[in-house]
Amino acid sequence: MAKQKKAAKKTSTSAPTPFSDALRVDPGTDLAAIDPRSTPGFEGDKDAGKEALEALTEPVSELQERLFAESRAGGTRSILLVVQGMDTSGKGGIMRHAVGAVDPQGVAITSFKAPSAQEQKHPFLWRIRNALPDPGMIGVFDRSHYEDVLIVRVHDLVPRAQWARRYGQINTFEQSVVDDDTTIIKVMLHISKDEQKARLTERLDRPDKHWKFNPGDIDERERWEDYQEAYQAVIDKCSTDVAPWYVVPADRKWFARLAVMNLLHEHLAALDPQWPKADFDVEEQKGRLEKS
């Protein structure tokens, strides 16, 4: 697909486009052509979006519990949600409002910062492998292995030949993860430069937001075009059939949260995990309980 798929118009005779179709991008998609304020897959306003997000909480929670229960009966399936985006793109809000809506016992969130001294002694995917979700779990990566072809590329932290090899290594790695029964959902929160400036300004204007401000964010902002080029390369080289990228317009926070929740719901529904059957005689146990 040359461009991000557009949502079909809602009519009385046609169903809305699934978010996984509306947001998926293939190699060749022009990231700059995607409007960060658009709402692919959804035609409602902010209030309608909040209502839709709330309505998803119960079905997603049930599907998550079924996935977790399935693993207790020997199931091997899991989900890995990868969330990438520029500073202020809303990763924290996704964690609170989307991922936070499901049972925390079934979710494992890993935030990847600059690699530690120990991690630097290993190949770049070592720490990623160690954080993959167990069966029945939804693993969430706040930033990920893609930092090794984003910030590393922009800042020339390793030789070009080294980071250039990593795209292929990432594709091979993700194929192995999928082969091990993990569904990968890769999300890029696509924010505009103007919206980022507005959010950084708010952090500086409000004392209760100062803790969220990092002067380094402005340093990274000065490399905006370099980062956009790096994200474009990620889409072109690492959006595959087994692990496609979804670009989520993020200028409207409410839409980004709704979109990620829908992506999670659609992938869980496709897995359709089932409650495990009892390995005991239910009626017999009811009788025992009645007499106890």
Foldseek 3Di string as FASTA:
>chain_A
DQEQAAWDDDDPVDDIDFLCRNFFDAANYQLVPDALPDQGRDDDDLVVLVVLLVVLLVLLQVLLVLQQLLVVVPAWAEEEEEEAEAPPLCLVVLVCRAVVSYDVVQEAEDEDDPDDPVCVVDPLCPVVVVQDDGGSHYYYYNHGSLCLLFVCVLVVVDPPVVSVVVLVVVQVVLVVVVVSNYQYAYEYRDEDLVLVVVVQVVLVVDPVNVVVDDPVSVVVSVSVVSNSVSVSVCNNRPQDPRYTYGYRSRSPVSSSSSSVNSVSSVVSVVVVRHRDDDPDDPVVVVVVVVVD
